[in-house]
């Protein structure tokens, strides 16, 4: 039976565990798209507020 040979990654055991943890807990495409939509909506709202502030008010 073959004996496994550890790969030399230059990382500590803790760093490898952190990398695996982050990889397993990444956001899904749907979550990323939802976050982009949320950010885009906020930008649109802020732009509308800025436009309102920049528009001269008539009395």
C-alpha atoms as a PDB file:
ATOM      1  CA  UNK A   1       0.000   0.000   0.000  1.00  0.00           C
ATOM      2  CA  UNK A   2       1.307   3.459  -0.905  1.00  0.00           C
ATOM      3  CA  UNK A   3       2.324   5.786   1.888  1.00  0.00           C
ATOM      4  CA  UNK A   4       0.910   9.319   1.551  1.00  0.00           C
ATOM      5  CA  UNK A   5       3.528  12.001   1.085  1.00  0.00           C
ATOM      6  CA  UNK A   6       2.689  15.383   2.637  1.00  0.00           C
ATOM      7  CA  UNK A   7       2.771  18.300   0.241  1.00  0.00           C
ATOM      8  CA  UNK A   8       5.152  21.101   1.095  1.00  0.00           C
ATOM      9  CA  UNK A   9       2.945  24.177   0.931  1.00  0.00           C
ATOM     10  CA  UNK A  10       5.009  26.472   3.115  1.00  0.00           C
ATOM     11  CA  UNK A  11       1.946  26.924   5.323  1.00  0.00           C
ATOM     12  CA  UNK A  12       1.497  25.980   8.937  1.00  0.00           C
ATOM     13  CA  UNK A  13      -1.192  23.520   9.935  1.00  0.00           C
ATOM     14  CA  UNK A  14      -3.322  26.391  11.250  1.00  0.00           C
ATOM     15  CA  UNK A  15      -2.942  28.317   7.978  1.00  0.00           C
ATOM     16  CA  UNK A  16      -4.012  25.252   5.998  1.00  0.00           C
ATOM     17  CA  UNK A  17      -7.061  24.775   8.237  1.00  0.00           C
ATOM     18  CA  UNK A  18      -7.949  28.462   7.815  1.00  0.00           C
ATOM     19  CA  UNK A  19      -7.632  28.164   4.040  1.00  0.00           C
ATOM     20  CA  UNK A  20      -9.907  25.100   3.962  1.00  0.00           C
ATOM     21  CA  UNK A  21     -12.400  26.768   6.301  1.00  0.00           C
ATOM     22  CA  UNK A  22     -12.544  29.864   4.120  1.00  0.00           C
ATOM     23  CA  UNK A  23     -12.882  27.810   0.946  1.00  0.00           C
ATOM     24  CA  UNK A  24     -15.732  25.756   2.393  1.00  0.00           C
ATOM     25  CA  UNK A  25     -17.572  28.805   3.700  1.00  0.00           C
ATOM     26  CA  UNK A  26     -17.305  31.067   0.667  1.00  0.00           C
ATOM     27  CA  UNK A  27     -20.451  32.742  -0.531  1.00  0.00           C
ATOM     28  CA  UNK A  28     -22.476  31.069  -3.250  1.00  0.00           C
ATOM     29  CA  UNK A  29     -23.022  32.736  -6.620  1.00  0.00           C
ATOM     30  CA  UNK A  30     -26.569  33.555  -5.544  1.00  0.00           C
ATOM     31  CA  UNK A  31     -25.317  35.236  -2.355  1.00  0.00           C
ATOM     32  CA  UNK A  32     -22.746  37.237  -4.299  1.00  0.00           C
ATOM     33  CA  UNK A  33     -25.355  38.342  -6.845  1.00  0.00           C
ATOM     34  CA  UNK A  34     -27.729  39.337  -4.028  1.00  0.00           C
ATOM     35  CA  UNK A  35     -24.952  41.386  -2.408  1.00  0.00           C
ATOM     36  CA  UNK A  36     -24.215  43.149  -5.724  1.00  0.00           C
ATOM     37  CA  UNK A  37     -27.922  43.923  -6.096  1.00  0.00           C
ATOM     38  CA  UNK A  38     -28.012  45.305  -2.551  1.00  0.00           C
ATOM     39  CA  UNK A  39     -24.975  47.491  -3.179  1.00  0.00           C
ATOM     40  CA  UNK A  40     -26.333  48.710  -6.524  1.00  0.00           C
ATOM     41  CA  UNK A  41     -29.632  49.644  -4.878  1.00  0.00           C
ATOM     42  CA  UNK A  42     -27.838  51.592  -2.151  1.00  0.00           C
ATOM     43  CA  UNK A  43     -25.726  53.446  -4.736  1.00  0.00           C
ATOM     44  CA  UNK A  44     -28.855  54.362  -6.695  1.00  0.00           C
ATOM     45  CA  UNK A  45     -30.530  55.667  -3.522  1.00  0.00           C
ATOM     46  CA  UNK A  46     -27.462  57.720  -2.599  1.00  0.00           C
ATOM     47  CA  UNK A  47     -27.207  59.163  -6.118  1.00  0.00           C
ATOM     48  CA  UNK A  48     -30.872  60.200  -5.929  1.00  0.00           C
ATOM     49  CA  UNK A  49     -30.254  61.958  -2.595  1.00  0.00           C
ATOM     50  CA  UNK A  50     -27.184  63.740  -3.973  1.00  0.00           C
ATOM     51  CA  UNK A  51     -29.118  64.863  -7.041  1.00  0.00           C
ATOM     52  CA  UNK A  52     -31.846  66.230  -4.773  1.00  0.00           C
ATOM     53  CA  UNK A  53     -29.280  68.110  -2.704  1.00  0.00           C
ATOM     54  CA  UNK A  54     -27.551  69.538  -5.781  1.00  0.00           C
ATOM     55  CA  UNK A  55     -30.788  70.689  -7.420  1.00  0.00           C
ATOM     56  CA  UNK A  56     -31.514  74.336  -6.596  1.00  0.00           C
ATOM     57  CA  UNK A  57     -34.636  74.653  -4.523  1.00  0.00           C
ATOM     58  CA  UNK A  58     -37.244  77.194  -5.570  1.00  0.00           C
ATOM     59  CA  UNK A  59     -39.320  78.940  -2.956  1.00  0.00           C
END
